[in-house]
Amino acid sequence: MPAISNYLTNGALCEIPNHEYMTGGFSTIYMSRNRVRSWDEVSFTIQAGGRHAPIHPQAPKMQFVSQDVRIFAPECADLYRRLSIRECARIQTFPDNFIFHY
């Protein structure tokens, strides 16, 4: 589920703890490269800030516009979302019972 107001937790409303993703804008630096990895590719580095979380692999690759400019495929815009905290934790091999407090 999307986080409340970009980064606040839904807390007990999450069916799976920490399984929420940050909403909000993407910086021009973030949008300058293809941020989508497919299911069988190695993930991007998981950074501490939600703004830089990789895009979920359900989305198609970003479309090239020009050097350092990419966009989300307009016909698939609803498929682009950041990985959830729980998904990032799994990639980093945190145990599923580990709870992040934020």
Protein backbone atom coordinates (compact mmCIF):
# COMPACT_ATOMS: atom_id res chain seq x y z
CA MET A 1 0.00 0.00 0.00
CA PRO A 2 1.19 3.56 -0.49
CA ALA A 3 2.61 5.31 2.54
CA ILE A 4 0.59 8.11 4.06
CA SER A 5 1.63 11.57 2.86
CA ASN A 6 4.73 10.41 0.95
CA TYR A 7 6.58 8.78 3.84
CA LEU A 8 4.44 8.32 6.97
CA THR A 9 3.57 4.75 7.91
CA ASN A 10 0.12 3.18 7.77
CA GLY A 11 1.20 1.24 10.88
CA ALA A 12 -1.27 -1.44 11.95
CA LEU A 13 -3.28 -1.00 8.74
CA CYS A 14 -0.53 -2.84 6.85
CA GLU A 15 -1.51 -6.49 6.44
CA ILE A 16 2.22 -7.27 6.20
CA PRO A 17 4.41 -5.06 8.43
CA ASN A 18 6.43 -2.45 6.50
CA HIS A 19 4.88 -3.48 3.17
CA GLU A 20 4.26 0.07 2.01
CA TYR A 21 6.04 2.24 -0.50
CA MET A 22 6.90 5.91 -0.63
CA THR A 23 4.81 8.09 -2.88
CA GLY A 24 5.76 11.52 -4.13
CA GLY A 25 7.84 12.98 -6.88
CA PHE A 26 10.99 11.69 -8.51
CA SER A 27 14.01 13.97 -8.83
CA THR A 28 15.46 14.80 -12.24
CA ILE A 29 18.61 12.91 -11.23
CA TYR A 30 16.51 9.82 -10.49
CA MET A 31 14.68 10.16 -13.81
CA SER A 32 17.91 10.55 -15.79
CA ARG A 33 18.50 6.77 -15.89
CA ASN A 34 16.38 3.68 -16.34
CA ARG A 35 15.42 2.77 -12.77
CA VAL A 36 13.55 -0.43 -13.64
CA ARG A 37 15.21 -3.83 -13.27
CA SER A 38 13.44 -6.97 -14.45
CA TRP A 39 12.76 -9.90 -12.11
CA ASP A 40 15.94 -11.69 -13.15
CA GLU A 41 18.33 -8.72 -12.94
CA VAL A 42 20.40 -7.69 -9.93
CA SER A 43 18.74 -4.89 -7.96
CA PHE A 44 20.06 -1.37 -7.77
CA THR A 45 21.75 -0.46 -4.50
CA ILE A 46 19.12 0.02 -1.81
CA GLN A 47 19.71 3.42 -0.22
CA ALA A 48 18.41 4.52 3.16
CA GLY A 49 16.04 7.15 1.74
CA GLY A 50 12.72 6.16 0.18
CA ARG A 51 13.06 8.72 -2.62
CA HIS A 52 15.78 6.59 -4.19
CA ALA A 53 14.13 3.17 -3.84
CA PRO A 54 14.17 1.21 -7.10
CA ILE A 55 11.01 0.84 -9.18
CA HIS A 56 9.10 -2.44 -8.80
CA PRO A 57 9.98 -4.88 -11.65
CA GLN A 58 6.32 -5.17 -12.73
CA ALA A 59 6.81 -1.93 -14.68
CA PRO A 60 8.27 -1.81 -18.19
CA LYS A 61 11.66 -0.22 -18.78
CA MET A 62 11.60 3.57 -18.78
CA GLN A 63 11.48 5.26 -22.17
CA PHE A 64 14.52 7.15 -23.43
CA VAL A 65 13.77 10.77 -24.39
CA SER A 66 17.26 12.24 -24.66
CA GLN A 67 20.57 12.02 -22.86
CA ASP A 68 19.85 12.09 -19.10
CA VAL A 69 16.08 12.24 -19.66
CA ARG A 70 13.77 9.24 -19.35
CA ILE A 71 10.04 8.95 -18.71
CA PHE A 72 7.67 6.30 -17.47
CA ALA A 73 5.74 4.67 -20.34
CA PRO A 74 2.50 6.72 -20.35
CA GLU A 75 0.27 3.73 -21.15
CA CYS A 76 1.65 1.89 -18.10
CA ALA A 77 1.95 4.78 -15.64
CA ASP A 78 0.00 2.94 -12.93
CA LEU A 79 2.64 0.14 -12.84
CA TYR A 80 5.48 2.42 -11.72
CA ARG A 81 5.93 2.43 -7.97
CA ARG A 82 8.91 2.27 -5.68
CA LEU A 83 9.74 -1.00 -3.96
CA SER A 84 8.11 -1.28 -0.55
CA ILE A 85 10.16 -1.23 2.63
CA ARG A 86 9.49 -4.96 3.04
CA GLU A 87 10.59 -5.69 -0.55
CA CYS A 88 13.81 -3.73 0.01
CA ALA A 89 14.38 -5.60 3.27
CA ARG A 90 14.00 -8.94 1.48
CA ILE A 91 16.55 -7.95 -1.16
CA GLN A 92 18.93 -7.07 1.68
CA THR A 93 18.19 -10.43 3.38
CA PHE A 94 16.56 -9.04 6.52
CA PRO A 95 14.41 -11.72 8.17
CA ASP A 96 10.67 -11.33 7.51
CA ASN A 97 9.99 -10.81 11.23
CA PHE A 98 12.31 -7.78 11.38
CA ILE A 99 10.19 -4.64 11.88
CA PHE A 100 11.39 -1.20 10.82
CA HIS A 101 10.09 1.64 13.02
CA TYR A 102 9.74 5.01 11.31
